[in-house]
Amino acid sequence: RDWVEDVAERMQVPPDFVAAPLMVAFSAVVGRKVGIRPKRYDDWLVVANLWGAIVGSPGLLKSPALKEALAPMNALIARAIEDHKEKVKEYEAEKEISEARGDWFASEKKKLAKKGDIAALQDFIEANRPEDEPEPPKERRYRTEDTTTEKLGELLNENPNGLMIFRDELVGFLRSLDRYGRE
C-alpha cells in the first residue's frame, strides 16, 4: 500500500492506476499455484482468472502508471530470460554429449556386428543403449503482448502456471476478438 501511494503521489495519478495493474501482475505471477475450494466436502477447485483495466481520459498518465506498476514483474521477466539463457547453454552441451554417445554407440555396434558375435552384440546393446535426446528448455513466461489466440494456446501449453496478457489499449484487444474465427 505504501509503495502504491508513493508512486501515485509522485506521478500525480489516482492510486487505482497503480494498484489495479499491480494486483493483476501479482495474480499472473501466482497463477495456478493457488486455488479456492468453494465447497468444504467436495474436490471442486476454482483457480482465479483476474482481469484488470485502467479507464480514464487521454492525458491522465495511465501508461506511465501502468509501466511503473509492472516494474516488479519486469524484474522477474529479466531474471527468467537470464535463467533460460543458462539452461540453453547447458542443453547445448548435453545435446552434444548425447550425439557423441550416439555416434560411439553406432560405431561400436557396427564393430561387434562385423565380428558376428550376436550374444556380445545383444549384451552391448542392452548395457549401452543411448539415452533419449535431452529436451530443449522452455522459458518461463510471465506476460505476453498482442498475441494471436493460436500462439497464446502454445504459450499456455508451455506455461501451465498461466501468464498475463498485456494490452495497452483495451479497444484493440476487444476488436481483435471480433475477427472471423474468434467466436
N, C-alpha and C. Protein backbone atom coordinates (compact mmCIF):
# COMPACT_ATOMS: atom_id res chain seq x y z
N ARG A 1 0.83 -1.18 0.00
CA ARG A 1 0.00 0.00 0.00
C ARG A 1 0.88 1.25 0.00
N ASP A 2 1.91 1.25 0.85
CA ASP A 2 2.79 2.42 0.91
C ASP A 2 3.46 2.67 -0.44
N TRP A 3 3.88 1.58 -1.10
CA TRP A 3 4.54 1.72 -2.39
C TRP A 3 3.58 2.29 -3.42
N VAL A 4 2.36 1.79 -3.45
CA VAL A 4 1.35 2.27 -4.40
C VAL A 4 1.06 3.75 -4.14
N GLU A 5 0.88 4.11 -2.88
CA GLU A 5 0.60 5.51 -2.57
C GLU A 5 1.78 6.41 -2.95
N ASP A 6 3.00 5.93 -2.73
CA ASP A 6 4.18 6.71 -3.08
C ASP A 6 4.26 6.95 -4.59
N VAL A 7 4.07 5.88 -5.36
CA VAL A 7 4.13 6.01 -6.82
C VAL A 7 3.01 6.92 -7.32
N ALA A 8 1.81 6.73 -6.80
CA ALA A 8 0.67 7.55 -7.23
C ALA A 8 0.89 9.02 -6.91
N GLU A 9 1.46 9.29 -5.74
CA GLU A 9 1.71 10.68 -5.36
C GLU A 9 2.79 11.31 -6.23
N ARG A 10 3.86 10.57 -6.47
CA ARG A 10 4.95 11.11 -7.29
C ARG A 10 4.50 11.34 -8.73
N MET A 11 3.61 10.50 -9.25
CA MET A 11 3.15 10.64 -10.64
C MET A 11 1.90 11.51 -10.75
N GLN A 12 1.31 11.86 -9.61
CA GLN A 12 0.08 12.65 -9.58
C GLN A 12 -1.05 11.95 -10.35
N VAL A 13 -1.25 10.67 -10.00
CA VAL A 13 -2.33 9.87 -10.58
C VAL A 13 -3.12 9.23 -9.44
N PRO A 14 -4.35 8.82 -9.70
CA PRO A 14 -5.10 8.10 -8.66
C PRO A 14 -4.39 6.80 -8.29
N PRO A 15 -4.46 6.37 -7.05
CA PRO A 15 -3.80 5.12 -6.64
C PRO A 15 -4.31 3.91 -7.42
N ASP A 16 -5.54 3.98 -7.92
CA ASP A 16 -6.11 2.88 -8.70
C ASP A 16 -5.27 2.59 -9.94
N PHE A 17 -4.70 3.63 -10.55
CA PHE A 17 -3.91 3.47 -11.76
C PHE A 17 -2.67 2.62 -11.52
N VAL A 18 -2.21 2.55 -10.29
CA VAL A 18 -1.04 1.75 -9.94
C VAL A 18 -1.48 0.42 -9.30
N ALA A 19 -2.48 0.48 -8.42
CA ALA A 19 -2.88 -0.71 -7.68
C ALA A 19 -3.51 -1.78 -8.57
N ALA A 20 -4.36 -1.40 -9.50
CA ALA A 20 -5.05 -2.39 -10.34
C ALA A 20 -4.06 -3.21 -11.17
N PRO A 21 -3.14 -2.58 -11.92
CA PRO A 21 -2.20 -3.41 -12.68
C PRO A 21 -1.24 -4.19 -11.78
N LEU A 22 -0.93 -3.65 -10.61
CA LEU A 22 -0.07 -4.37 -9.68
C LEU A 22 -0.75 -5.67 -9.22
N MET A 23 -2.03 -5.60 -8.91
CA MET A 23 -2.77 -6.79 -8.48
C MET A 23 -2.89 -7.82 -9.61
N VAL A 24 -3.11 -7.34 -10.82
CA VAL A 24 -3.21 -8.26 -11.96
C VAL A 24 -1.85 -8.93 -12.20
N ALA A 25 -0.77 -8.15 -12.11
CA ALA A 25 0.57 -8.72 -12.28
C ALA A 25 0.86 -9.74 -11.18
N PHE A 26 0.49 -9.41 -9.96
CA PHE A 26 0.69 -10.34 -8.85
C PHE A 26 -0.07 -11.64 -9.09
N SER A 27 -1.31 -11.53 -9.56
CA SER A 27 -2.10 -12.74 -9.81
C SER A 27 -1.50 -13.56 -10.95
N ALA A 28 -0.90 -12.90 -11.93
CA ALA A 28 -0.26 -13.63 -13.03
C ALA A 28 0.97 -14.38 -12.54
N VAL A 29 1.71 -13.80 -11.61
CA VAL A 29 2.90 -14.47 -11.07
C VAL A 29 2.48 -15.67 -10.20
N VAL A 30 1.46 -15.48 -9.37
CA VAL A 30 0.97 -16.57 -8.53
C VAL A 30 0.32 -17.64 -9.41
N GLY A 31 -0.45 -17.20 -10.39
CA GLY A 31 -1.04 -18.10 -11.37
C GLY A 31 -1.89 -19.20 -10.76
N ARG A 32 -1.68 -20.41 -11.24
CA ARG A 32 -2.48 -21.55 -10.82
C ARG A 32 -1.94 -22.22 -9.56
N LYS A 33 -1.02 -21.58 -8.88
CA LYS A 33 -0.47 -22.16 -7.67
C LYS A 33 -1.44 -22.08 -6.50
N VAL A 34 -2.42 -21.21 -6.60
CA VAL A 34 -3.39 -21.02 -5.53
C VAL A 34 -4.78 -21.19 -6.10
N GLY A 35 -5.59 -21.96 -5.40
CA GLY A 35 -6.97 -22.16 -5.81
C GLY A 35 -7.89 -22.05 -4.61
N ILE A 36 -9.16 -21.96 -4.90
CA ILE A 36 -10.18 -21.84 -3.86
C ILE A 36 -11.10 -23.04 -3.98
N ARG A 37 -11.41 -23.65 -2.84
CA ARG A 37 -12.38 -24.75 -2.81
C ARG A 37 -13.69 -24.21 -2.21
N PRO A 38 -14.66 -23.87 -3.08
CA PRO A 38 -15.90 -23.27 -2.58
C PRO A 38 -16.73 -24.21 -1.71
N LYS A 39 -16.62 -25.50 -1.91
CA LYS A 39 -17.40 -26.46 -1.11
C LYS A 39 -16.46 -27.19 -0.16
N ARG A 40 -16.82 -27.23 1.08
CA ARG A 40 -15.96 -27.82 2.11
C ARG A 40 -15.71 -29.31 1.87
N TYR A 41 -16.71 -30.06 1.49
CA TYR A 41 -16.58 -31.51 1.38
C TYR A 41 -16.56 -31.99 -0.07
N ASP A 42 -16.05 -31.18 -0.94
CA ASP A 42 -16.01 -31.51 -2.36
C ASP A 42 -14.59 -31.27 -2.87
N ASP A 43 -14.24 -31.89 -4.01
CA ASP A 43 -12.91 -31.67 -4.58
C ASP A 43 -12.92 -30.59 -5.66
N TRP A 44 -13.99 -29.85 -5.77
CA TRP A 44 -14.11 -28.78 -6.75
C TRP A 44 -13.11 -27.68 -6.41
N LEU A 45 -12.27 -27.34 -7.38
CA LEU A 45 -11.23 -26.32 -7.20
C LEU A 45 -11.43 -25.22 -8.24
N VAL A 46 -11.42 -23.99 -7.79
CA VAL A 46 -11.55 -22.85 -8.69
C VAL A 46 -10.25 -22.07 -8.65
N VAL A 47 -9.65 -21.87 -9.81
CA VAL A 47 -8.45 -21.06 -9.92
C VAL A 47 -8.87 -19.72 -10.51
N ALA A 48 -8.54 -18.66 -9.83
CA ALA A 48 -8.99 -17.32 -10.24
C ALA A 48 -8.36 -16.89 -11.56
N ASN A 49 -9.12 -16.15 -12.32
CA ASN A 49 -8.66 -15.54 -13.56
C ASN A 49 -8.95 -14.05 -13.43
N LEU A 50 -7.96 -13.28 -13.12
CA LEU A 50 -8.16 -11.86 -12.80
C LEU A 50 -7.97 -10.99 -14.04
N TRP A 51 -8.93 -10.14 -14.29
CA TRP A 51 -8.88 -9.15 -15.36
C TRP A 51 -8.75 -7.78 -14.72
N GLY A 52 -8.06 -6.89 -15.36
CA GLY A 52 -7.93 -5.54 -14.84
C GLY A 52 -7.82 -4.55 -15.98
N ALA A 53 -8.34 -3.36 -15.77
CA ALA A 53 -8.25 -2.31 -16.79
C ALA A 53 -8.22 -0.96 -16.09
N ILE A 54 -7.50 -0.03 -16.69
CA ILE A 54 -7.49 1.35 -16.22
C ILE A 54 -8.28 2.15 -17.24
N VAL A 55 -9.28 2.85 -16.75
CA VAL A 55 -10.13 3.64 -17.64
C VAL A 55 -9.99 5.12 -17.24
N GLY A 56 -9.68 5.93 -18.21
CA GLY A 56 -9.53 7.36 -17.95
C GLY A 56 -9.39 8.12 -19.25
N SER A 57 -9.58 9.39 -19.18
CA SER A 57 -9.45 10.26 -20.35
C SER A 57 -8.01 10.29 -20.85
N PRO A 58 -7.81 10.63 -22.12
CA PRO A 58 -6.44 10.76 -22.62
C PRO A 58 -5.66 11.81 -21.82
N GLY A 59 -4.39 11.56 -21.61
CA GLY A 59 -3.53 12.51 -20.92
C GLY A 59 -3.53 12.37 -19.40
N LEU A 60 -4.15 11.34 -18.87
CA LEU A 60 -4.18 11.16 -17.41
C LEU A 60 -3.02 10.29 -16.91
N LEU A 61 -2.02 10.06 -17.74
CA LEU A 61 -0.81 9.31 -17.37
C LEU A 61 -1.11 7.85 -17.01
N LYS A 62 -2.05 7.25 -17.75
CA LYS A 62 -2.37 5.84 -17.50
C LYS A 62 -1.19 4.94 -17.85
N SER A 63 -0.61 5.15 -19.03
CA SER A 63 0.50 4.29 -19.47
C SER A 63 1.73 4.40 -18.57
N PRO A 64 2.17 5.60 -18.17
CA PRO A 64 3.32 5.67 -17.26
C PRO A 64 3.04 5.00 -15.90
N ALA A 65 1.81 5.15 -15.40
CA ALA A 65 1.46 4.50 -14.13
C ALA A 65 1.46 2.98 -14.30
N LEU A 66 0.98 2.53 -15.42
CA LEU A 66 0.97 1.09 -15.73
C LEU A 66 2.40 0.55 -15.83
N LYS A 67 3.25 1.31 -16.47
CA LYS A 67 4.66 0.90 -16.60
C LYS A 67 5.32 0.77 -15.23
N GLU A 68 5.05 1.73 -14.37
CA GLU A 68 5.64 1.71 -13.03
C GLU A 68 5.10 0.54 -12.22
N ALA A 69 3.81 0.24 -12.36
CA ALA A 69 3.20 -0.86 -11.61
C ALA A 69 3.74 -2.21 -12.07
N LEU A 70 4.13 -2.31 -13.32
CA LEU A 70 4.63 -3.58 -13.86
C LEU A 70 6.14 -3.74 -13.70
N ALA A 71 6.80 -2.77 -13.09
CA ALA A 71 8.25 -2.84 -12.91
C ALA A 71 8.69 -4.08 -12.13
N PRO A 72 8.01 -4.48 -11.04
CA PRO A 72 8.43 -5.70 -10.35
C PRO A 72 8.33 -6.95 -11.24
N MET A 73 7.28 -7.00 -12.07
CA MET A 73 7.15 -8.13 -12.98
C MET A 73 8.25 -8.10 -14.03
N ASN A 74 8.62 -6.91 -14.49
CA ASN A 74 9.70 -6.80 -15.47
C ASN A 74 11.01 -7.34 -14.91
N ALA A 75 11.25 -7.15 -13.61
CA ALA A 75 12.45 -7.70 -12.98
C ALA A 75 12.40 -9.24 -13.02
N LEU A 76 11.24 -9.82 -12.75
CA LEU A 76 11.09 -11.28 -12.84
C LEU A 76 11.30 -11.78 -14.26
N ILE A 77 10.80 -11.03 -15.21
CA ILE A 77 10.95 -11.40 -16.62
C ILE A 77 12.43 -11.39 -17.01
N ALA A 78 13.16 -10.35 -16.58
CA ALA A 78 14.59 -10.27 -16.89
C ALA A 78 15.34 -11.44 -16.28
N ARG A 79 15.00 -11.81 -15.04
CA ARG A 79 15.65 -12.95 -14.40
C ARG A 79 15.32 -14.25 -15.13
N ALA A 80 14.07 -14.39 -15.57
CA ALA A 80 13.66 -15.60 -16.30
C ALA A 80 14.41 -15.71 -17.63
N ILE A 81 14.64 -14.60 -18.28
CA ILE A 81 15.39 -14.61 -19.55
C ILE A 81 16.83 -15.06 -19.31
N GLU A 82 17.45 -14.53 -18.26
CA GLU A 82 18.84 -14.93 -17.93
C GLU A 82 18.90 -16.42 -17.57
N ASP A 83 17.95 -16.89 -16.77
CA ASP A 83 17.91 -18.32 -16.41
C ASP A 83 17.75 -19.18 -17.65
N HIS A 84 16.91 -18.73 -18.57
CA HIS A 84 16.69 -19.51 -19.79
C HIS A 84 17.96 -19.56 -20.65
N LYS A 85 18.69 -18.46 -20.71
CA LYS A 85 19.94 -18.46 -21.48
C LYS A 85 20.93 -19.47 -20.90
N GLU A 86 21.02 -19.54 -19.58
CA GLU A 86 21.91 -20.52 -18.94
C GLU A 86 21.45 -21.95 -19.21
N LYS A 87 20.15 -22.18 -19.15
CA LYS A 87 19.62 -23.51 -19.41
C LYS A 87 19.85 -23.92 -20.86
N VAL A 88 19.79 -22.96 -21.78
CA VAL A 88 20.05 -23.26 -23.19
C VAL A 88 21.50 -23.68 -23.38
N LYS A 89 22.43 -23.01 -22.68
CA LYS A 89 23.85 -23.40 -22.77
C LYS A 89 24.04 -24.82 -22.26
N GLU A 90 23.42 -25.14 -21.12
CA GLU A 90 23.51 -26.49 -20.56
C GLU A 90 22.89 -27.50 -21.52
N TYR A 91 21.77 -27.14 -22.12
CA TYR A 91 21.10 -28.03 -23.07
C TYR A 91 21.99 -28.31 -24.28
N GLU A 92 22.63 -27.28 -24.81
CA GLU A 92 23.51 -27.45 -25.97
C GLU A 92 24.65 -28.42 -25.63
N ALA A 93 25.23 -28.29 -24.45
CA ALA A 93 26.31 -29.19 -24.04
C ALA A 93 25.79 -30.62 -23.90
N GLU A 94 24.63 -30.78 -23.25
CA GLU A 94 24.05 -32.12 -23.10
C GLU A 94 23.71 -32.73 -24.46
N LYS A 95 23.25 -31.91 -25.38
CA LYS A 95 22.90 -32.39 -26.72
C LYS A 95 24.14 -32.89 -27.45
N GLU A 96 25.24 -32.15 -27.35
CA GLU A 96 26.48 -32.58 -28.00
C GLU A 96 27.00 -33.88 -27.40
N ILE A 97 26.92 -33.99 -26.07
CA ILE A 97 27.35 -35.22 -25.41
C ILE A 97 26.47 -36.38 -25.85
N SER A 98 25.18 -36.15 -25.94
CA SER A 98 24.25 -37.19 -26.37
C SER A 98 24.54 -37.63 -27.81
N GLU A 99 24.83 -36.67 -28.68
CA GLU A 99 25.16 -37.00 -30.07
C GLU A 99 26.46 -37.79 -30.14
N ALA A 100 27.46 -37.40 -29.34
CA ALA A 100 28.73 -38.13 -29.34
C ALA A 100 28.53 -39.56 -28.83
N ARG A 101 27.73 -39.73 -27.78
CA ARG A 101 27.44 -41.08 -27.28
C ARG A 101 26.73 -41.91 -28.34
N GLY A 102 25.80 -41.27 -29.06
CA GLY A 102 25.09 -41.97 -30.13
C GLY A 102 26.04 -42.42 -31.23
N ASP A 103 26.98 -41.55 -31.62
CA ASP A 103 27.96 -41.91 -32.65
C ASP A 103 28.85 -43.06 -32.18
N TRP A 104 29.31 -42.97 -30.91
CA TRP A 104 30.14 -44.04 -30.35
C TRP A 104 29.36 -45.35 -30.32
N PHE A 105 28.11 -45.31 -29.90
CA PHE A 105 27.28 -46.50 -29.81
C PHE A 105 27.12 -47.13 -31.18
N ALA A 106 26.86 -46.32 -32.20
CA ALA A 106 26.68 -46.84 -33.55
C ALA A 106 27.96 -47.48 -34.07
N SER A 107 29.12 -46.86 -33.84
CA SER A 107 30.38 -47.42 -34.35
C SER A 107 30.74 -48.71 -33.62
N GLU A 108 30.54 -48.76 -32.29
CA GLU A 108 30.83 -49.99 -31.54
C GLU A 108 29.88 -51.10 -31.95
N LYS A 109 28.65 -50.77 -32.20
CA LYS A 109 27.65 -51.76 -32.62
C LYS A 109 28.04 -52.36 -33.97
N LYS A 110 28.53 -51.51 -34.90
CA LYS A 110 28.96 -51.99 -36.21
C LYS A 110 30.15 -52.94 -36.08
N LYS A 111 31.10 -52.57 -35.19
CA LYS A 111 32.28 -53.42 -34.98
C LYS A 111 31.87 -54.80 -34.48
N LEU A 112 30.97 -54.83 -33.50
CA LEU A 112 30.53 -56.12 -32.96
C LEU A 112 29.72 -56.89 -33.99
N ALA A 113 28.94 -56.21 -34.79
CA ALA A 113 28.14 -56.88 -35.82
C ALA A 113 29.04 -57.51 -36.88
N LYS A 114 30.16 -56.83 -37.22
CA LYS A 114 31.10 -57.38 -38.20
C LYS A 114 31.76 -58.64 -37.68
N LYS A 115 32.00 -58.70 -36.37
CA LYS A 115 32.62 -59.89 -35.78
C LYS A 115 31.66 -61.07 -35.81
N GLY A 116 30.36 -60.79 -35.81
CA GLY A 116 29.37 -61.85 -35.89
C GLY A 116 28.98 -62.45 -34.56
N ASP A 117 29.45 -61.89 -33.46
CA ASP A 117 29.13 -62.41 -32.13
C ASP A 117 27.81 -61.78 -31.68
N ILE A 118 26.71 -62.48 -31.97
CA ILE A 118 25.37 -61.95 -31.70
C ILE A 118 25.13 -61.79 -30.20
N ALA A 119 25.60 -62.73 -29.39
CA ALA A 119 25.39 -62.63 -27.94
C ALA A 119 26.11 -61.39 -27.38
N ALA A 120 27.34 -61.16 -27.82
CA ALA A 120 28.07 -59.98 -27.36
C ALA A 120 27.39 -58.71 -27.84
N LEU A 121 26.86 -58.74 -29.06
CA LEU A 121 26.16 -57.58 -29.61
C LEU A 121 24.91 -57.27 -28.79
N GLN A 122 24.13 -58.31 -28.44
CA GLN A 122 22.92 -58.10 -27.64
C GLN A 122 23.27 -57.56 -26.25
N ASP A 123 24.32 -58.12 -25.64
CA ASP A 123 24.75 -57.62 -24.33
C ASP A 123 25.18 -56.16 -24.41
N PHE A 124 25.92 -55.82 -25.47
CA PHE A 124 26.38 -54.44 -25.65
C PHE A 124 25.20 -53.49 -25.81
N ILE A 125 24.24 -53.89 -26.64
CA ILE A 125 23.07 -53.02 -26.87
C ILE A 125 22.28 -52.81 -25.59
N GLU A 126 22.06 -53.88 -24.82
CA GLU A 126 21.30 -53.76 -23.57
C GLU A 126 22.03 -52.90 -22.54
N ALA A 127 23.35 -53.04 -22.48
CA ALA A 127 24.12 -52.31 -21.47
C ALA A 127 24.40 -50.86 -21.84
N ASN A 128 24.45 -50.56 -23.12
CA ASN A 128 24.90 -49.23 -23.56
C ASN A 128 23.88 -48.49 -24.42
N ARG A 129 22.62 -48.87 -24.34
CA ARG A 129 21.61 -48.20 -25.16
C ARG A 129 21.65 -46.69 -24.88
N PRO A 130 21.75 -45.89 -25.95
CA PRO A 130 21.85 -44.44 -25.75
C PRO A 130 20.56 -43.88 -25.11
N GLU A 131 20.75 -42.87 -24.30
CA GLU A 131 19.62 -42.19 -23.66
C GLU A 131 18.88 -41.36 -24.70
N ASP A 132 17.64 -41.03 -24.38
CA ASP A 132 16.89 -40.15 -25.27
C ASP A 132 17.57 -38.79 -25.29
N GLU A 133 17.41 -38.10 -26.42
CA GLU A 133 17.99 -36.75 -26.52
C GLU A 133 17.34 -35.84 -25.49
N PRO A 134 18.12 -34.96 -24.89
CA PRO A 134 17.52 -34.04 -23.92
C PRO A 134 16.53 -33.10 -24.60
N GLU A 135 15.52 -32.70 -23.85
CA GLU A 135 14.53 -31.78 -24.40
C GLU A 135 15.01 -30.34 -24.24
N PRO A 136 14.75 -29.52 -25.24
CA PRO A 136 15.16 -28.11 -25.11
C PRO A 136 14.41 -27.44 -23.96
N PRO A 137 15.07 -26.56 -23.23
CA PRO A 137 14.41 -25.90 -22.10
C PRO A 137 13.35 -24.92 -22.58
N LYS A 138 12.32 -24.77 -21.77
CA LYS A 138 11.26 -23.83 -22.09
C LYS A 138 11.38 -22.62 -21.16
N GLU A 139 11.27 -21.47 -21.74
CA GLU A 139 11.39 -20.23 -20.97
C GLU A 139 10.13 -19.99 -20.15
N ARG A 140 10.30 -19.61 -18.90
CA ARG A 140 9.17 -19.25 -18.05
C ARG A 140 8.69 -17.89 -18.49
N ARG A 141 7.46 -17.83 -18.94
CA ARG A 141 6.90 -16.56 -19.39
C ARG A 141 5.92 -16.05 -18.35
N TYR A 142 5.96 -14.78 -18.09
CA TYR A 142 5.03 -14.15 -17.16
C TYR A 142 3.99 -13.31 -17.90
N ARG A 143 4.35 -12.83 -19.09
CA ARG A 143 3.48 -11.89 -19.79
C ARG A 143 3.66 -12.05 -21.28
N THR A 144 2.60 -11.78 -22.00
CA THR A 144 2.66 -11.70 -23.45
C THR A 144 1.87 -10.49 -23.89
N GLU A 145 2.23 -9.96 -25.04
CA GLU A 145 1.57 -8.76 -25.55
C GLU A 145 1.15 -8.99 -26.99
N ASP A 146 -0.04 -8.56 -27.34
CA ASP A 146 -0.52 -8.54 -28.72
C ASP A 146 -0.28 -9.88 -29.42
N THR A 147 -0.83 -10.95 -28.86
CA THR A 147 -0.62 -12.28 -29.42
C THR A 147 -1.91 -12.79 -30.07
N THR A 148 -1.75 -13.70 -30.99
CA THR A 148 -2.93 -14.35 -31.58
C THR A 148 -3.41 -15.43 -30.63
N THR A 149 -4.65 -15.85 -30.81
CA THR A 149 -5.19 -16.89 -29.93
C THR A 149 -4.45 -18.20 -30.13
N GLU A 150 -4.00 -18.47 -31.35
CA GLU A 150 -3.27 -19.71 -31.61
C GLU A 150 -1.93 -19.71 -30.87
N LYS A 151 -1.20 -18.62 -30.96
CA LYS A 151 0.08 -18.53 -30.27
C LYS A 151 -0.12 -18.52 -28.75
N LEU A 152 -1.19 -17.90 -28.30
CA LEU A 152 -1.48 -17.89 -26.88
C LEU A 152 -1.70 -19.32 -26.37
N GLY A 153 -2.37 -20.14 -27.16
CA GLY A 153 -2.55 -21.54 -26.79
C GLY A 153 -1.21 -22.25 -26.63
N GLU A 154 -0.28 -22.00 -27.55
CA GLU A 154 1.05 -22.60 -27.46
C GLU A 154 1.78 -22.12 -26.20
N LEU A 155 1.71 -20.82 -25.95
CA LEU A 155 2.38 -20.27 -24.77
C LEU A 155 1.80 -20.84 -23.48
N LEU A 156 0.48 -21.02 -23.42
CA LEU A 156 -0.14 -21.57 -22.23
C LEU A 156 0.22 -23.05 -22.04
N ASN A 157 0.43 -23.77 -23.15
CA ASN A 157 0.89 -25.16 -23.03
C ASN A 157 2.29 -25.22 -22.44
N GLU A 158 3.13 -24.26 -22.80
CA GLU A 158 4.49 -24.22 -22.28
C GLU A 158 4.56 -23.63 -20.87
N ASN A 159 3.53 -22.90 -20.46
CA ASN A 159 3.50 -22.25 -19.15
C ASN A 159 2.20 -22.63 -18.43
N PRO A 160 2.14 -23.84 -17.89
CA PRO A 160 0.89 -24.29 -17.27
C PRO A 160 0.47 -23.47 -16.06
N ASN A 161 1.37 -22.69 -15.48
CA ASN A 161 1.01 -21.84 -14.36
C ASN A 161 0.18 -20.64 -14.82
N GLY A 162 0.20 -20.36 -16.12
CA GLY A 162 -0.54 -19.24 -16.67
C GLY A 162 0.36 -18.05 -16.94
N LEU A 163 -0.17 -17.05 -17.61
CA LEU A 163 0.57 -15.83 -17.88
C LEU A 163 -0.40 -14.68 -18.10
N MET A 164 0.14 -13.50 -18.08
CA MET A 164 -0.67 -12.29 -18.22
C MET A 164 -0.66 -11.83 -19.67
N ILE A 165 -1.85 -11.50 -20.17
CA ILE A 165 -1.95 -10.90 -21.49
C ILE A 165 -2.02 -9.40 -21.27
N PHE A 166 -1.04 -8.69 -21.78
CA PHE A 166 -0.95 -7.25 -21.57
C PHE A 166 -1.32 -6.52 -22.85
N ARG A 167 -2.25 -5.60 -22.75
CA ARG A 167 -2.61 -4.75 -23.87
C ARG A 167 -2.70 -3.33 -23.35
N ASP A 168 -1.99 -2.43 -23.99
CA ASP A 168 -2.02 -1.03 -23.55
C ASP A 168 -3.34 -0.38 -23.93
N GLU A 169 -3.93 -0.82 -25.02
CA GLU A 169 -5.21 -0.27 -25.45
C GLU A 169 -6.25 -1.39 -25.45
N LEU A 170 -7.24 -1.27 -24.61
CA LEU A 170 -8.27 -2.29 -24.46
C LEU A 170 -9.13 -2.42 -25.72
N VAL A 171 -9.37 -1.32 -26.40
CA VAL A 171 -10.22 -1.34 -27.60
C VAL A 171 -9.60 -2.24 -28.67
N GLY A 172 -8.27 -2.17 -28.82
CA GLY A 172 -7.60 -3.02 -29.81
C GLY A 172 -7.77 -4.49 -29.50
N PHE A 173 -7.71 -4.85 -28.23
CA PHE A 173 -7.90 -6.25 -27.83
C PHE A 173 -9.33 -6.69 -28.12
N LEU A 174 -10.30 -5.88 -27.76
CA LEU A 174 -11.70 -6.25 -27.99
C LEU A 174 -12.01 -6.35 -29.48
N ARG A 175 -11.41 -5.47 -30.29
CA ARG A 175 -11.63 -5.54 -31.74
C ARG A 175 -11.01 -6.81 -32.32
N SER A 176 -9.88 -7.25 -31.76
CA SER A 176 -9.25 -8.48 -32.28
C SER A 176 -10.14 -9.69 -32.04
N LEU A 177 -11.00 -9.62 -31.03
CA LEU A 177 -11.91 -10.73 -30.76
C LEU A 177 -13.07 -10.77 -31.76
N ASP A 178 -13.31 -9.67 -32.48
CA ASP A 178 -14.40 -9.62 -33.45
C ASP A 178 -14.03 -10.26 -34.78
N ARG A 179 -12.76 -10.60 -34.97
CA ARG A 179 -12.34 -11.18 -36.24
C ARG A 179 -13.00 -12.54 -36.46
N TYR A 180 -13.12 -12.89 -37.72
CA TYR A 180 -13.71 -14.18 -38.10
C TYR A 180 -12.90 -15.33 -37.50
N GLY A 181 -13.58 -16.28 -36.92
CA GLY A 181 -12.90 -17.45 -36.34
C GLY A 181 -12.58 -17.28 -34.87
N ARG A 182 -12.89 -16.14 -34.29
CA ARG A 182 -12.58 -15.91 -32.87
C ARG A 182 -13.86 -15.94 -32.02
N GLU A 183 -14.85 -16.66 -32.51
CA GLU A 183 -16.15 -16.65 -31.84
C GLU A 183 -16.03 -17.11 -30.42
